[in-house]
Amino acid sequence: IGTRQGVIHKCSCSNRQQFLEMYKKHFAPVTSISWCPLNPDLFLSCSADCTIQLWKHDRLKPVMGFATTYGSVHDIKWSPKAATVFGAVNKEQLEIWNLDSSFLVPIIVQPAAPGVTMTSLLFASHTDCVVVGDSEGQVTVFLLNNLSNGQPGNTRAGSTNASCPGNA
């Protein structure tokens, strides 16, 4: 559970009143946590402090940290296909990271439309797509071309927009 104070509490499903662990690194509210579907020892957290942290569940300090210059990171998700690939959204952009390629920069950076804040994302299970929601109620599907080769510059995203009924 992520808190407004920037602390992450690991809880037991059988007893939510007692914390099993406390992970401390963020300095602002934790906005999202994502467990790796391919490696249950790993999880990511993101925060309003403009950082993403990679954790091993048995260590109280992060394994690695990533910073963005575009403000609060709103959401983060692991790819269901690769334990080294994750995506994050912040006010300005979608970022796709591949740790096999770079620890310093994302392999894809897709800017948000002017005046729109990207708020949530989800990787599709059976295709090379990521779905992004925004502050206007729009949902955009990005096809991640050449994601498997992982080379910055060769990887790109193409998009299709849709709006939720009643929000148009």
C-alpha atoms as a PDB file:
ATOM      1  CA  ILE A   1       0.000   0.000   0.000  1.00  0.00           C
ATOM      2  CA  GLY A   2       1.432   3.370  -1.004  1.00  0.00           C
ATOM      3  CA  THR A   3       0.904   6.312   1.333  1.00  0.00           C
ATOM      4  CA  ARG A   4       0.691  10.090   1.024  1.00  0.00           C
ATOM      5  CA  GLN A   5       3.883  10.307   3.068  1.00  0.00           C
ATOM      6  CA  GLY A   6       5.845   8.382   0.413  1.00  0.00           C
ATOM      7  CA  VAL A   7       6.096   5.140   2.402  1.00  0.00           C
ATOM      8  CA  ILE A   8       5.087   1.739   1.012  1.00  0.00           C
ATOM      9  CA  HIS A   9       3.615  -0.794   3.438  1.00  0.00           C
ATOM     10  CA  LYS A  10       3.767  -4.510   2.663  1.00  0.00           C
ATOM     11  CA  CYS A  11       0.688  -6.113   4.198  1.00  0.00           C
ATOM     12  CA  SER A  12      -0.545  -9.630   4.821  1.00  0.00           C
ATOM     13  CA  CYS A  13      -3.771 -10.660   3.090  1.00  0.00           C
ATOM     14  CA  SER A  14      -4.883 -12.311   6.333  1.00  0.00           C
ATOM     15  CA  ASN A  15      -4.074  -9.360   8.635  1.00  0.00           C
ATOM     16  CA  ARG A  16      -4.178  -5.877   7.123  1.00  0.00           C
ATOM     17  CA  GLN A  17      -3.832  -4.225  10.528  1.00  0.00           C
ATOM     18  CA  GLN A  18      -0.149  -5.125  10.778  1.00  0.00           C
ATOM     19  CA  PHE A  19       2.554  -4.206   8.254  1.00  0.00           C
ATOM     20  CA  LEU A  20       5.076  -6.858   7.278  1.00  0.00           C
ATOM     21  CA  GLU A  21       7.581  -4.345   5.876  1.00  0.00           C
ATOM     22  CA  MET A  22       7.966  -0.599   5.318  1.00  0.00           C
ATOM     23  CA  TYR A  23       9.785   0.590   2.200  1.00  0.00           C
ATOM     24  CA  LYS A  24      11.022   4.190   2.387  1.00  0.00           C
ATOM     25  CA  LYS A  25      12.457   6.155  -0.511  1.00  0.00           C
ATOM     26  CA  HIS A  26       9.789   8.448  -1.961  1.00  0.00           C
ATOM     27  CA  PHE A  27       9.433  11.999  -0.612  1.00  0.00           C
ATOM     28  CA  ALA A  28       5.875  12.629  -1.853  1.00  0.00           C
ATOM     29  CA  PRO A  29       2.693  10.547  -2.238  1.00  0.00           C
ATOM     30  CA  VAL A  30       3.103   7.121  -3.840  1.00  0.00           C
ATOM     31  CA  THR A  31       0.758   7.146  -6.838  1.00  0.00           C
ATOM     32  CA  SER A  32       1.049   3.545  -8.056  1.00  0.00           C
ATOM     33  CA  ILE A  33       2.682   0.179  -7.325  1.00  0.00           C
ATOM     34  CA  SER A  34       3.058  -2.651  -9.844  1.00  0.00           C
ATOM     35  CA  TRP A  35       4.292  -6.191  -9.120  1.00  0.00           C
ATOM     36  CA  CYS A  36       6.210  -7.887 -11.932  1.00  0.00           C
ATOM     37  CA  PRO A  37       4.035 -10.658 -13.408  1.00  0.00           C
ATOM     38  CA  LEU A  38       7.120 -12.589 -14.579  1.00  0.00           C
ATOM     39  CA  ASN A  39       9.232 -12.219 -11.428  1.00  0.00           C
ATOM     40  CA  PRO A  40       7.223 -12.074  -8.184  1.00  0.00           C
ATOM     41  CA  ASP A  41      10.265 -10.812  -6.246  1.00  0.00           C
ATOM     42  CA  LEU A  42      10.184  -7.437  -8.051  1.00  0.00           C
ATOM     43  CA  PHE A  43       7.877  -4.465  -7.898  1.00  0.00           C
ATOM     44  CA  LEU A  44       7.890  -0.874  -9.109  1.00  0.00           C
ATOM     45  CA  SER A  45       6.589   2.224  -7.383  1.00  0.00           C
ATOM     46  CA  CYS A  46       6.048   5.737  -8.681  1.00  0.00           C
ATOM     47  CA  SER A  47       5.391   8.975  -6.909  1.00  0.00           C
ATOM     48  CA  ALA A  48       4.544  12.641  -7.047  1.00  0.00           C
ATOM     49  CA  ASP A  49       8.270  13.171  -6.297  1.00  0.00           C
ATOM     50  CA  CYS A  50       8.985  12.588 -10.029  1.00  0.00           C
ATOM     51  CA  THR A  51      10.666   9.213  -9.457  1.00  0.00           C
ATOM     52  CA  ILE A  52      10.179   5.537 -10.197  1.00  0.00           C
ATOM     53  CA  GLN A  53      11.761   2.989  -7.862  1.00  0.00           C
ATOM     54  CA  LEU A  54      12.541  -0.675  -8.581  1.00  0.00           C
ATOM     55  CA  TRP A  55      12.354  -2.900  -5.474  1.00  0.00           C
ATOM     56  CA  LYS A  56      12.999  -6.497  -4.457  1.00  0.00           C
ATOM     57  CA  HIS A  57      10.363  -7.476  -1.926  1.00  0.00           C
ATOM     58  CA  ASP A  58      12.985  -8.747   0.546  1.00  0.00           C
ATOM     59  CA  ARG A  59      15.042  -5.499   0.536  1.00  0.00           C
ATOM     60  CA  LEU A  60      13.927  -2.295   2.209  1.00  0.00           C
ATOM     61  CA  LYS A  61      16.003  -0.068  -0.089  1.00  0.00           C
ATOM     62  CA  PRO A  62      15.326   0.191  -3.835  1.00  0.00           C
ATOM     63  CA  VAL A  63      17.495  -1.742  -6.268  1.00  0.00           C
ATOM     64  CA  MET A  64      17.403   1.151  -8.722  1.00  0.00           C
ATOM     65  CA  GLY A  65      15.749   4.534  -9.202  1.00  0.00           C
ATOM     66  CA  PHE A  66      14.651   6.438 -12.297  1.00  0.00           C
ATOM     67  CA  ALA A  67      13.833  10.147 -12.504  1.00  0.00           C
ATOM     68  CA  THR A  68      11.630  12.071 -14.871  1.00  0.00           C
ATOM     69  CA  THR A  69      11.831  15.795 -15.507  1.00  0.00           C
ATOM     70  CA  TYR A  70       8.122  16.072 -16.290  1.00  0.00           C
ATOM     71  CA  GLY A  71       6.600  16.083 -12.818  1.00  0.00           C
ATOM     72  CA  SER A  72       4.550  13.594 -10.884  1.00  0.00           C
ATOM     73  CA  VAL A  73       4.495  10.033 -12.226  1.00  0.00           C
ATOM     74  CA  HIS A  74       0.799   9.073 -12.257  1.00  0.00           C
ATOM     75  CA  ASP A  75       0.891   5.365 -13.097  1.00  0.00           C
ATOM     76  CA  ILE A  76       3.305   2.530 -13.765  1.00  0.00           C
ATOM     77  CA  LYS A  77       2.850  -0.991 -15.135  1.00  0.00           C
ATOM     78  CA  TRP A  78       5.085  -3.941 -16.006  1.00  0.00           C
ATOM     79  CA  SER A  79       4.847  -5.540 -19.412  1.00  0.00           C
ATOM     80  CA  PRO A  80       3.214  -8.981 -19.220  1.00  0.00           C
ATOM     81  CA  LYS A  81       5.738 -10.228 -21.811  1.00  0.00           C
ATOM     82  CA  ALA A  82       9.160  -9.125 -20.529  1.00  0.00           C
ATOM     83  CA  ALA A  83      10.438  -8.741 -16.964  1.00  0.00           C
ATOM     84  CA  THR A  84      12.705  -5.881 -18.057  1.00  0.00           C
ATOM     85  CA  VAL A  85      10.018  -3.753 -19.741  1.00  0.00           C
ATOM     86  CA  PHE A  86       7.687  -1.324 -17.987  1.00  0.00           C
ATOM     87  CA  GLY A  87       5.694   1.771 -18.836  1.00  0.00           C
ATOM     88  CA  ALA A  88       4.977   4.972 -16.938  1.00  0.00           C
ATOM     89  CA  VAL A  89       2.819   8.032 -17.538  1.00  0.00           C
ATOM     90  CA  ASN A  90       3.256  11.534 -16.210  1.00  0.00           C
ATOM     91  CA  LYS A  91       1.691  14.880 -17.042  1.00  0.00           C
ATOM     92  CA  GLU A  92       3.672  15.289 -20.232  1.00  0.00           C
ATOM     93  CA  GLN A  93       4.278  11.834 -21.719  1.00  0.00           C
ATOM     94  CA  LEU A  94       4.162   8.061 -21.913  1.00  0.00           C
ATOM     95  CA  GLU A  95       7.522   6.405 -21.277  1.00  0.00           C
ATOM     96  CA  ILE A  96       8.385   2.803 -22.136  1.00  0.00           C
ATOM     97  CA  TRP A  97      11.531   1.518 -20.435  1.00  0.00           C
ATOM     98  CA  ASN A  98      13.527  -1.589 -21.352  1.00  0.00           C
ATOM     99  CA  LEU A  99      16.204  -2.284 -18.756  1.00  0.00           C
ATOM    100  CA  ASP A 100      17.981  -4.608 -21.198  1.00  0.00           C
ATOM    101  CA  SER A 101      18.640  -1.525 -23.356  1.00  0.00           C
ATOM    102  CA  SER A 102      19.142   1.359 -20.927  1.00  0.00           C
ATOM    103  CA  PHE A 103      18.882   2.238 -17.254  1.00  0.00           C
ATOM    104  CA  LEU A 104      19.142   5.956 -18.055  1.00  0.00           C
ATOM    105  CA  VAL A 105      16.512   6.748 -20.670  1.00  0.00           C
ATOM    106  CA  PRO A 106      13.246   5.210 -21.842  1.00  0.00           C
ATOM    107  CA  ILE A 107      13.258   3.492 -25.241  1.00  0.00           C
ATOM    108  CA  ILE A 108       9.962   5.184 -26.183  1.00  0.00           C
ATOM    109  CA  VAL A 109       8.794   8.670 -25.237  1.00  0.00           C
ATOM    110  CA  GLN A 110       5.345   9.595 -26.549  1.00  0.00           C
ATOM    111  CA  PRO A 111       4.257  13.162 -25.731  1.00  0.00           C
ATOM    112  CA  ALA A 112       0.728  13.860 -24.495  1.00  0.00           C
ATOM    113  CA  ALA A 113      -1.592  16.016 -26.571  1.00  0.00           C
ATOM    114  CA  PRO A 114      -1.360  19.728 -25.676  1.00  0.00           C
ATOM    115  CA  GLY A 115      -3.305  20.531 -22.498  1.00  0.00           C
ATOM    116  CA  VAL A 116      -3.921  16.852 -21.689  1.00  0.00           C
ATOM    117  CA  THR A 117      -2.474  14.890 -18.762  1.00  0.00           C
ATOM    118  CA  MET A 118      -1.826  11.169 -19.172  1.00  0.00           C
ATOM    119  CA  THR A 119      -3.236   9.487 -16.055  1.00  0.00           C
ATOM    120  CA  SER A 120      -3.197   5.690 -16.429  1.00  0.00           C
ATOM    121  CA  LEU A 121      -1.832   2.889 -18.563  1.00  0.00           C
ATOM    122  CA  LEU A 122      -2.206  -0.824 -19.139  1.00  0.00           C
ATOM    123  CA  PHE A 123      -0.230  -3.234 -21.318  1.00  0.00           C
ATOM    124  CA  ALA A 124      -2.371  -5.502 -23.499  1.00  0.00           C
ATOM    125  CA  SER A 125      -1.833  -9.185 -22.718  1.00  0.00           C
ATOM    126  CA  HIS A 126      -1.743 -10.666 -26.200  1.00  0.00           C
ATOM    127  CA  THR A 127      -0.534  -7.830 -28.438  1.00  0.00           C
ATOM    128  CA  ASP A 128       2.288  -5.284 -28.470  1.00  0.00           C
ATOM    129  CA  CYS A 129      -0.013  -2.477 -27.355  1.00  0.00           C
ATOM    130  CA  VAL A 130      -0.339  -0.204 -24.367  1.00  0.00           C
ATOM    131  CA  VAL A 131      -3.591   1.570 -23.496  1.00  0.00           C
ATOM    132  CA  VAL A 132      -3.357   5.062 -21.966  1.00  0.00           C
ATOM    133  CA  GLY A 133      -6.125   7.053 -20.286  1.00  0.00           C
ATOM    134  CA  ASP A 134      -6.012  10.824 -19.962  1.00  0.00           C
ATOM    135  CA  SER A 135      -7.551  13.760 -18.110  1.00  0.00           C
ATOM    136  CA  GLU A 136     -10.091  14.348 -20.895  1.00  0.00           C
ATOM    137  CA  GLY A 137     -11.611  10.858 -20.607  1.00  0.00           C
ATOM    138  CA  GLN A 138      -9.901   9.732 -23.799  1.00  0.00           C
ATOM    139  CA  VAL A 139      -8.339   6.292 -24.187  1.00  0.00           C
ATOM    140  CA  THR A 140      -5.454   5.941 -26.626  1.00  0.00           C
ATOM    141  CA  VAL A 141      -4.090   2.610 -27.830  1.00  0.00           C
ATOM    142  CA  PHE A 142      -0.416   2.706 -28.769  1.00  0.00           C
ATOM    143  CA  LEU A 143       1.068  -0.037 -30.930  1.00  0.00           C
ATOM    144  CA  LEU A 144       4.648  -0.578 -29.772  1.00  0.00           C
ATOM    145  CA  ASN A 145       6.632  -1.264 -32.930  1.00  0.00           C
ATOM    146  CA  ASN A 146       9.977  -3.080 -32.654  1.00  0.00           C
ATOM    147  CA  LEU A 147       9.722  -3.346 -28.876  1.00  0.00           C
ATOM    148  CA  SER A 148      11.522  -6.684 -28.893  1.00  0.00           C
ATOM    149  CA  ASN A 149      14.699  -5.223 -30.413  1.00  0.00           C
ATOM    150  CA  GLY A 150      14.821  -2.655 -27.596  1.00  0.00           C
ATOM    151  CA  GLN A 151      16.987  -0.108 -29.377  1.00  0.00           C
ATOM    152  CA  PRO A 152      16.199   3.544 -28.622  1.00  0.00           C
ATOM    153  CA  GLY A 153      15.349   5.302 -31.856  1.00  0.00           C
ATOM    154  CA  ASN A 154      14.246   2.094 -33.611  1.00  0.00           C
ATOM    155  CA  THR A 155      11.303   1.642 -31.294  1.00  0.00           C
ATOM    156  CA  ARG A 156       8.223   3.778 -31.765  1.00  0.00           C
ATOM    157  CA  ALA A 157       4.564   4.037 -30.892  1.00  0.00           C
ATOM    158  CA  GLY A 158       1.622   4.583 -33.241  1.00  0.00           C
ATOM    159  CA  SER A 159      -1.764   5.531 -31.771  1.00  0.00           C
ATOM    160  CA  THR A 160      -5.531   5.302 -32.129  1.00  0.00           C
ATOM    161  CA  ASN A 161      -7.869   7.412 -29.968  1.00  0.00           C
ATOM    162  CA  ALA A 162     -11.260   6.521 -28.519  1.00  0.00           C
ATOM    163  CA  SER A 163     -13.484   8.256 -26.025  1.00  0.00           C
ATOM    164  CA  CYS A 164     -15.591   6.667 -23.328  1.00  0.00           C
ATOM    165  CA  PRO A 165     -19.376   6.891 -23.853  1.00  0.00           C
ATOM    166  CA  GLY A 166     -20.824   9.878 -22.056  1.00  0.00           C
ATOM    167  CA  ASN A 167     -17.512  11.741 -21.887  1.00  0.00           C
ATOM    168  CA  ALA A 168     -17.337  13.011 -25.439  1.00  0.00           C
END
